[in-house]
């Protein structure tokens, strides 16, 4: 448990004794594929860190339309913001595959932060990163066309892999389309056009970023369409 916790961004830089206390309050929970971790509006009694598997964080419109906010994976905490506000979870969380999560109860964890300023500062840094991610999501869905959203996502996956040119999509096109606020057919069409333009190479779920600069331009709003509305 300690070797796992010391590499979680939230716990970076903490001494071994503090990590030991954090491990002492953690509870292992296994969720089956499709199982709900928590629901929108449910009392926030703690937060989670995945040891295995992936978790989808999403909102549902009154009409039942789903908007994915995050896909959380190995060592990526989720549910922490609501815990510190003393409120309720603002979204749904569901296991995309069988997942092993470490659950940290809110009262015990908040008590630990009172005695360790490093832990409190790490939590502030994590919440700041989440706020930046949400701001980026709002910008993508409201201001960018689908090619720009897709380019931003490919760059994000590459950056998460330390700038790797060869990346692998670990979610289906249907789920990716949901994340981008579009439909799978549009994702396939834009990926195909990017490949035709020599910007990327696509082999199943493996994508090689050939012209990263062009992707960056698209992510910043460069046009990818002609006047008739088709990809150019």
C-alpha atoms as a PDB file:
ATOM      1  CA  UNK A   1       0.000   0.000   0.000  1.00  0.00           C
ATOM      2  CA  UNK A   2       2.785   2.471   0.919  1.00  0.00           C
ATOM      3  CA  UNK A   3       4.591   2.070  -2.409  1.00  0.00           C
ATOM      4  CA  UNK A   4       1.295   2.757  -4.165  1.00  0.00           C
ATOM      5  CA  UNK A   5       0.424   5.818  -2.068  1.00  0.00           C
ATOM      6  CA  UNK A   6       3.816   7.519  -2.352  1.00  0.00           C
ATOM      7  CA  UNK A   7       3.328   7.876  -6.125  1.00  0.00           C
ATOM      8  CA  UNK A   8      -0.206   9.260  -5.933  1.00  0.00           C
ATOM      9  CA  UNK A   9       0.022  12.996  -6.846  1.00  0.00           C
ATOM     10  CA  UNK A  10      -2.051  13.944  -3.808  1.00  0.00           C
ATOM     11  CA  UNK A  11       0.471  12.317  -1.454  1.00  0.00           C
ATOM     12  CA  UNK A  12       3.722  13.359  -3.168  1.00  0.00           C
ATOM     13  CA  UNK A  13       6.444  14.477  -0.778  1.00  0.00           C
ATOM     14  CA  UNK A  14       4.860  13.134   2.389  1.00  0.00           C
ATOM     15  CA  UNK A  15       7.109  11.375   4.917  1.00  0.00           C
ATOM     16  CA  UNK A  16       6.746   7.648   5.525  1.00  0.00           C
ATOM     17  CA  UNK A  17       5.024   8.058   8.882  1.00  0.00           C
ATOM     18  CA  UNK A  18       2.339  10.285   7.347  1.00  0.00           C
ATOM     19  CA  UNK A  19       1.860   7.848   4.452  1.00  0.00           C
ATOM     20  CA  UNK A  20       1.451   5.123   7.043  1.00  0.00           C
ATOM     21  CA  UNK A  21      -1.347   7.039   8.743  1.00  0.00           C
ATOM     22  CA  UNK A  22      -3.052   7.618   5.387  1.00  0.00           C
ATOM     23  CA  UNK A  23      -2.748   3.915   4.575  1.00  0.00           C
ATOM     24  CA  UNK A  24      -4.305   3.193   7.934  1.00  0.00           C
ATOM     25  CA  UNK A  25      -7.575   4.906   7.006  1.00  0.00           C
ATOM     26  CA  UNK A  26      -7.785   3.546   3.434  1.00  0.00           C
ATOM     27  CA  UNK A  27     -10.349   0.832   2.644  1.00  0.00           C
ATOM     28  CA  UNK A  28     -10.120  -1.414  -0.446  1.00  0.00           C
ATOM     29  CA  UNK A  29     -13.295  -1.702  -2.514  1.00  0.00           C
ATOM     30  CA  UNK A  30     -13.887  -3.694  -5.701  1.00  0.00           C
ATOM     31  CA  UNK A  31     -16.452  -2.584  -8.294  1.00  0.00           C
ATOM     32  CA  UNK A  32     -17.722  -4.673 -11.189  1.00  0.00           C
ATOM     33  CA  UNK A  33     -17.927  -3.290 -14.715  1.00  0.00           C
ATOM     34  CA  UNK A  34     -20.916  -0.954 -14.937  1.00  0.00           C
ATOM     35  CA  UNK A  35     -21.320  -0.733 -11.164  1.00  0.00           C
ATOM     36  CA  UNK A  36     -22.032   2.684  -9.646  1.00  0.00           C
ATOM     37  CA  UNK A  37     -19.384   4.081  -7.296  1.00  0.00           C
ATOM     38  CA  UNK A  38     -21.512   7.073  -6.294  1.00  0.00           C
ATOM     39  CA  UNK A  39     -24.423   9.050  -7.706  1.00  0.00           C
ATOM     40  CA  UNK A  40     -24.995  12.726  -8.396  1.00  0.00           C
ATOM     41  CA  UNK A  41     -26.409  14.326  -5.260  1.00  0.00           C
ATOM     42  CA  UNK A  42     -25.296  11.553  -2.913  1.00  0.00           C
ATOM     43  CA  UNK A  43     -23.701  12.653   0.371  1.00  0.00           C
ATOM     44  CA  UNK A  44     -19.915  12.897  -0.084  1.00  0.00           C
ATOM     45  CA  UNK A  45     -18.604  10.612   2.634  1.00  0.00           C
ATOM     46  CA  UNK A  46     -15.118  10.182   1.210  1.00  0.00           C
ATOM     47  CA  UNK A  47     -12.999  10.054  -1.942  1.00  0.00           C
ATOM     48  CA  UNK A  48     -11.345   7.352  -4.037  1.00  0.00           C
ATOM     49  CA  UNK A  49      -8.009   6.492  -5.667  1.00  0.00           C
ATOM     50  CA  UNK A  50      -7.903   3.685  -8.284  1.00  0.00           C
ATOM     51  CA  UNK A  51      -5.341   0.909  -7.891  1.00  0.00           C
ATOM     52  CA  UNK A  52      -6.744  -0.926 -10.904  1.00  0.00           C
ATOM     53  CA  UNK A  53      -9.350  -0.172 -13.553  1.00  0.00           C
ATOM     54  CA  UNK A  54     -10.973   3.021 -14.833  1.00  0.00           C
ATOM     55  CA  UNK A  55     -13.865   5.127 -13.602  1.00  0.00           C
ATOM     56  CA  UNK A  56     -16.177   7.317 -15.673  1.00  0.00           C
ATOM     57  CA  UNK A  57     -17.280  10.599 -14.094  1.00  0.00           C
ATOM     58  CA  UNK A  58     -20.364  12.009 -15.821  1.00  0.00           C
ATOM     59  CA  UNK A  59     -23.463  14.175 -15.620  1.00  0.00           C
ATOM     60  CA  UNK A  60     -26.941  13.378 -16.909  1.00  0.00           C
ATOM     61  CA  UNK A  61     -29.296  15.955 -18.422  1.00  0.00           C
ATOM     62  CA  UNK A  62     -33.012  15.903 -17.501  1.00  0.00           C
ATOM     63  CA  UNK A  63     -33.549  14.116 -20.828  1.00  0.00           C
ATOM     64  CA  UNK A  64     -31.008  11.430 -19.864  1.00  0.00           C
ATOM     65  CA  UNK A  65     -28.208  12.606 -22.164  1.00  0.00           C
ATOM     66  CA  UNK A  66     -24.795  11.747 -20.755  1.00  0.00           C
ATOM     67  CA  UNK A  67     -21.808  14.096 -20.701  1.00  0.00           C
ATOM     68  CA  UNK A  68     -18.535  12.541 -19.593  1.00  0.00           C
ATOM     69  CA  UNK A  69     -16.404  14.883 -17.487  1.00  0.00           C
ATOM     70  CA  UNK A  70     -13.408  12.682 -16.704  1.00  0.00           C
ATOM     71  CA  UNK A  71     -12.058   9.171 -17.156  1.00  0.00           C
ATOM     72  CA  UNK A  72     -10.090   8.439 -13.987  1.00  0.00           C
ATOM     73  CA  UNK A  73      -7.365   5.786 -13.986  1.00  0.00           C
ATOM     74  CA  UNK A  74      -4.431   4.510 -11.959  1.00  0.00           C
ATOM     75  CA  UNK A  75      -3.546   6.755  -8.994  1.00  0.00           C
ATOM     76  CA  UNK A  76      -5.939   9.563 -10.067  1.00  0.00           C
ATOM     77  CA  UNK A  77      -8.017  10.694  -7.050  1.00  0.00           C
ATOM     78  CA  UNK A  78     -11.682  11.551  -7.603  1.00  0.00           C
ATOM     79  CA  UNK A  79     -14.537  12.770  -5.434  1.00  0.00           C
ATOM     80  CA  UNK A  80     -12.217  14.850  -3.269  1.00  0.00           C
ATOM     81  CA  UNK A  81     -13.719  18.300  -3.939  1.00  0.00           C
ATOM     82  CA  UNK A  82     -17.124  17.440  -2.518  1.00  0.00           C
ATOM     83  CA  UNK A  83     -15.507  15.903   0.549  1.00  0.00           C
ATOM     84  CA  UNK A  84     -13.834  19.170   1.524  1.00  0.00           C
ATOM     85  CA  UNK A  85     -16.903  21.259   0.821  1.00  0.00           C
ATOM     86  CA  UNK A  86     -18.880  19.048   3.171  1.00  0.00           C
ATOM     87  CA  UNK A  87     -21.540  18.651   0.521  1.00  0.00           C
ATOM     88  CA  UNK A  88     -22.723  16.137  -2.046  1.00  0.00           C
ATOM     89  CA  UNK A  89     -21.118  14.555  -5.073  1.00  0.00           C
ATOM     90  CA  UNK A  90     -21.775  16.796  -8.116  1.00  0.00           C
ATOM     91  CA  UNK A  91     -21.725  13.954 -10.678  1.00  0.00           C
ATOM     92  CA  UNK A  92     -22.074  10.217 -11.169  1.00  0.00           C
ATOM     93  CA  UNK A  93     -19.136   7.787 -11.008  1.00  0.00           C
ATOM     94  CA  UNK A  94     -19.289   4.363 -12.683  1.00  0.00           C
ATOM     95  CA  UNK A  95     -16.724   1.598 -13.214  1.00  0.00           C
ATOM     96  CA  UNK A  96     -15.819   1.092 -16.890  1.00  0.00           C
ATOM     97  CA  UNK A  97     -14.246  -2.269 -16.021  1.00  0.00           C
ATOM     98  CA  UNK A  98     -13.626  -4.269 -12.885  1.00  0.00           C
ATOM     99  CA  UNK A  99     -11.825  -1.782 -10.644  1.00  0.00           C
ATOM    100  CA  UNK A 100     -10.014  -1.851  -7.326  1.00  0.00           C
ATOM    101  CA  UNK A 101     -10.374   1.452  -5.499  1.00  0.00           C
ATOM    102  CA  UNK A 102      -8.980   2.739  -2.219  1.00  0.00           C
ATOM    103  CA  UNK A 103     -11.660   4.662  -0.317  1.00  0.00           C
ATOM    104  CA  UNK A 104     -10.612   7.371   2.141  1.00  0.00           C
ATOM    105  CA  UNK A 105     -13.374   8.384   4.610  1.00  0.00           C
ATOM    106  CA  UNK A 106     -13.851  12.142   4.770  1.00  0.00           C
ATOM    107  CA  UNK A 107     -13.731  12.745   8.566  1.00  0.00           C
ATOM    108  CA  UNK A 108     -10.513  10.759   9.079  1.00  0.00           C
ATOM    109  CA  UNK A 109      -8.781  12.319   6.058  1.00  0.00           C
ATOM    110  CA  UNK A 110      -9.784  15.893   6.957  1.00  0.00           C
ATOM    111  CA  UNK A 111      -8.374  15.288  10.424  1.00  0.00           C
ATOM    112  CA  UNK A 112      -5.045  14.259   8.884  1.00  0.00           C
ATOM    113  CA  UNK A 113      -4.860  17.471   6.822  1.00  0.00           C
ATOM    114  CA  UNK A 114      -5.206  19.523   9.989  1.00  0.00           C
ATOM    115  CA  UNK A 115      -1.939  18.079  11.233  1.00  0.00           C
ATOM    116  CA  UNK A 116       0.077  18.126   8.011  1.00  0.00           C
ATOM    117  CA  UNK A 117       0.317  21.323   5.935  1.00  0.00           C
ATOM    118  CA  UNK A 118       2.045  19.456   3.067  1.00  0.00           C
ATOM    119  CA  UNK A 119      -1.015  17.265   2.622  1.00  0.00           C
ATOM    120  CA  UNK A 120      -3.257  20.332   2.702  1.00  0.00           C
ATOM    121  CA  UNK A 121      -1.127  22.101   0.058  1.00  0.00           C
ATOM    122  CA  UNK A 122      -1.144  18.990  -2.145  1.00  0.00           C
ATOM    123  CA  UNK A 123      -4.928  18.940  -1.924  1.00  0.00           C
ATOM    124  CA  UNK A 124      -5.095  22.614  -2.970  1.00  0.00           C
ATOM    125  CA  UNK A 125      -2.812  21.895  -5.935  1.00  0.00           C
ATOM    126  CA  UNK A 126      -4.990  18.945  -6.991  1.00  0.00           C
ATOM    127  CA  UNK A 127      -8.173  21.009  -6.761  1.00  0.00           C
ATOM    128  CA  UNK A 128      -6.534  23.786  -8.783  1.00  0.00           C
ATOM    129  CA  UNK A 129      -5.625  21.323 -11.538  1.00  0.00           C
ATOM    130  CA  UNK A 130      -9.198  20.015 -11.563  1.00  0.00           C
ATOM    131  CA  UNK A 131     -10.554  23.551 -11.876  1.00  0.00           C
ATOM    132  CA  UNK A 132      -8.247  24.155 -14.841  1.00  0.00           C
ATOM    133  CA  UNK A 133      -9.447  20.901 -16.447  1.00  0.00           C
ATOM    134  CA  UNK A 134     -13.079  21.919 -16.051  1.00  0.00           C
ATOM    135  CA  UNK A 135     -12.354  25.334 -17.529  1.00  0.00           C
ATOM    136  CA  UNK A 136     -10.746  23.591 -20.495  1.00  0.00           C
ATOM    137  CA  UNK A 137     -13.766  21.308 -20.882  1.00  0.00           C
ATOM    138  CA  UNK A 138     -16.153  24.261 -20.910  1.00  0.00           C
ATOM    139  CA  UNK A 139     -13.978  26.004 -23.512  1.00  0.00           C
ATOM    140  CA  UNK A 140     -13.845  22.906 -25.708  1.00  0.00           C
ATOM    141  CA  UNK A 141     -17.570  22.239 -25.661  1.00  0.00           C
ATOM    142  CA  UNK A 142     -18.648  25.836 -26.106  1.00  0.00           C
ATOM    143  CA  UNK A 143     -15.990  27.422 -28.326  1.00  0.00           C
ATOM    144  CA  UNK A 144     -14.168  24.743 -30.328  1.00  0.00           C
ATOM    145  CA  UNK A 145     -15.291  22.712 -33.321  1.00  0.00           C
ATOM    146  CA  UNK A 146     -14.970  18.918 -33.097  1.00  0.00           C
ATOM    147  CA  UNK A 147     -11.506  18.801 -34.805  1.00  0.00           C
ATOM    148  CA  UNK A 148     -10.190  21.237 -32.203  1.00  0.00           C
ATOM    149  CA  UNK A 149     -11.670  19.194 -29.358  1.00  0.00           C
ATOM    150  CA  UNK A 150     -10.220  15.986 -30.771  1.00  0.00           C
ATOM    151  CA  UNK A 151      -6.800  17.582 -31.321  1.00  0.00           C
ATOM    152  CA  UNK A 152      -6.801  18.803 -27.715  1.00  0.00           C
ATOM    153  CA  UNK A 153      -7.648  15.317 -26.496  1.00  0.00           C
ATOM    154  CA  UNK A 154      -4.865  13.677 -28.523  1.00  0.00           C
ATOM    155  CA  UNK A 155      -2.363  16.196 -27.166  1.00  0.00           C
ATOM    156  CA  UNK A 156      -3.657  15.527 -23.629  1.00  0.00           C
ATOM    157  CA  UNK A 157      -3.133  11.759 -24.023  1.00  0.00           C
ATOM    158  CA  UNK A 158       0.349  12.363 -25.452  1.00  0.00           C
ATOM    159  CA  UNK A 159       1.287  14.712 -22.599  1.00  0.00           C
ATOM    160  CA  UNK A 160       0.030  12.172 -20.077  1.00  0.00           C
ATOM    161  CA  UNK A 161       2.468   9.711 -21.684  1.00  0.00           C
ATOM    162  CA  UNK A 162       5.347  12.208 -21.292  1.00  0.00           C
ATOM    163  CA  UNK A 163       5.035  13.609 -24.807  1.00  0.00           C
ATOM    164  CA  UNK A 164       4.975  10.257 -26.616  1.00  0.00           C
ATOM    165  CA  UNK A 165       4.314  10.472 -30.352  1.00  0.00           C
ATOM    166  CA  UNK A 166       2.714   7.019 -30.381  1.00  0.00           C
ATOM    167  CA  UNK A 167      -0.343   6.843 -28.162  1.00  0.00           C
ATOM    168  CA  UNK A 168      -3.126   4.352 -27.584  1.00  0.00           C
ATOM    169  CA  UNK A 169      -6.746   5.303 -26.971  1.00  0.00           C
ATOM    170  CA  UNK A 170      -7.903   3.370 -23.913  1.00  0.00           C
ATOM    171  CA  UNK A 171     -11.574   4.208 -24.424  1.00  0.00           C
ATOM    172  CA  UNK A 172     -14.001   3.294 -27.205  1.00  0.00           C
ATOM    173  CA  UNK A 173     -14.916   5.752 -29.969  1.00  0.00           C
ATOM    174  CA  UNK A 174     -18.413   5.901 -28.506  1.00  0.00           C
ATOM    175  CA  UNK A 175     -17.072   6.998 -25.137  1.00  0.00           C
ATOM    176  CA  UNK A 176     -14.546   9.344 -26.751  1.00  0.00           C
ATOM    177  CA  UNK A 177     -17.377  10.951 -28.724  1.00  0.00           C
ATOM    178  CA  UNK A 178     -19.260  11.433 -25.468  1.00  0.00           C
ATOM    179  CA  UNK A 179     -16.236  13.095 -23.880  1.00  0.00           C
ATOM    180  CA  UNK A 180     -15.967  15.427 -26.890  1.00  0.00           C
ATOM    181  CA  UNK A 181     -19.689  16.196 -27.026  1.00  0.00           C
ATOM    182  CA  UNK A 182     -20.277  14.674 -30.462  1.00  0.00           C
ATOM    183  CA  UNK A 183     -21.148  11.310 -32.095  1.00  0.00           C
ATOM    184  CA  UNK A 184     -18.879   8.337 -32.997  1.00  0.00           C
ATOM    185  CA  UNK A 185     -19.365   8.832 -36.732  1.00  0.00           C
ATOM    186  CA  UNK A 186     -17.997  12.368 -36.491  1.00  0.00           C
ATOM    187  CA  UNK A 187     -14.987  11.193 -34.478  1.00  0.00           C
ATOM    188  CA  UNK A 188     -14.230   8.544 -37.124  1.00  0.00           C
ATOM    189  CA  UNK A 189     -14.621  11.067 -39.935  1.00  0.00           C
ATOM    190  CA  UNK A 190     -12.330  13.636 -38.318  1.00  0.00           C
ATOM    191  CA  UNK A 191      -9.696  11.003 -37.455  1.00  0.00           C
ATOM    192  CA  UNK A 192      -9.827   9.853 -41.074  1.00  0.00           C
ATOM    193  CA  UNK A 193      -9.409  13.392 -42.362  1.00  0.00           C
ATOM    194  CA  UNK A 194      -6.494  14.020 -39.995  1.00  0.00           C
ATOM    195  CA  UNK A 195      -4.853  10.849 -41.315  1.00  0.00           C
ATOM    196  CA  UNK A 196      -5.457  11.897 -44.948  1.00  0.00           C
ATOM    197  CA  UNK A 197      -3.865  15.275 -44.192  1.00  0.00           C
ATOM    198  CA  UNK A 198      -0.807  13.502 -42.770  1.00  0.00           C
ATOM    199  CA  UNK A 199      -1.342  14.923 -39.297  1.00  0.00           C
ATOM    200  CA  UNK A 200      -1.689  11.506 -37.673  1.00  0.00           C
ATOM    201  CA  UNK A 201      -1.461   7.804 -38.521  1.00  0.00           C
ATOM    202  CA  UNK A 202      -4.200   5.515 -37.226  1.00  0.00           C
ATOM    203  CA  UNK A 203      -3.877   1.767 -36.621  1.00  0.00           C
ATOM    204  CA  UNK A 204      -6.910   0.637 -34.642  1.00  0.00           C
ATOM    205  CA  UNK A 205      -6.620   2.329 -31.254  1.00  0.00           C
ATOM    206  CA  UNK A 206      -2.964   3.226 -31.795  1.00  0.00           C
ATOM    207  CA  UNK A 207      -2.385   6.729 -33.117  1.00  0.00           C
ATOM    208  CA  UNK A 208       0.929   8.264 -34.114  1.00  0.00           C
ATOM    209  CA  UNK A 209       1.127  12.049 -33.912  1.00  0.00           C
ATOM    210  CA  UNK A 210       2.999  13.035 -37.082  1.00  0.00           C
ATOM    211  CA  UNK A 211       2.391  16.796 -37.101  1.00  0.00           C
ATOM    212  CA  UNK A 212       2.034  17.792 -33.475  1.00  0.00           C
ATOM    213  CA  UNK A 213       2.350  21.481 -34.381  1.00  0.00           C
ATOM    214  CA  UNK A 214      -0.680  21.171 -36.652  1.00  0.00           C
ATOM    215  CA  UNK A 215      -2.606  19.465 -33.858  1.00  0.00           C
ATOM    216  CA  UNK A 216      -1.702  22.311 -31.540  1.00  0.00           C
ATOM    217  CA  UNK A 217      -2.949  24.818 -34.126  1.00  0.00           C
ATOM    218  CA  UNK A 218      -6.237  22.930 -34.449  1.00  0.00           C
ATOM    219  CA  UNK A 219      -6.593  22.770 -30.678  1.00  0.00           C
ATOM    220  CA  UNK A 220      -6.213  26.553 -30.589  1.00  0.00           C
ATOM    221  CA  UNK A 221      -8.983  27.120 -33.133  1.00  0.00           C
ATOM    222  CA  UNK A 222      -7.358  26.835 -36.573  1.00  0.00           C
ATOM    223  CA  UNK A 223      -9.903  26.033 -39.275  1.00  0.00           C
ATOM    224  CA  UNK A 224     -10.306  22.452 -40.470  1.00  0.00           C
ATOM    225  CA  UNK A 225     -13.342  23.028 -42.675  1.00  0.00           C
ATOM    226  CA  UNK A 226     -14.102  24.603 -46.023  1.00  0.00           C
ATOM    227  CA  UNK A 227     -16.927  27.062 -46.627  1.00  0.00           C
ATOM    228  CA  UNK A 228     -19.338  24.260 -47.410  1.00  0.00           C
ATOM    229  CA  UNK A 229     -18.881  22.780 -43.951  1.00  0.00           C
ATOM    230  CA  UNK A 230     -16.774  19.784 -44.969  1.00  0.00           C
ATOM    231  CA  UNK A 231     -13.353  18.930 -43.627  1.00  0.00           C
ATOM    232  CA  UNK A 232     -10.710  20.404 -45.883  1.00  0.00           C
END
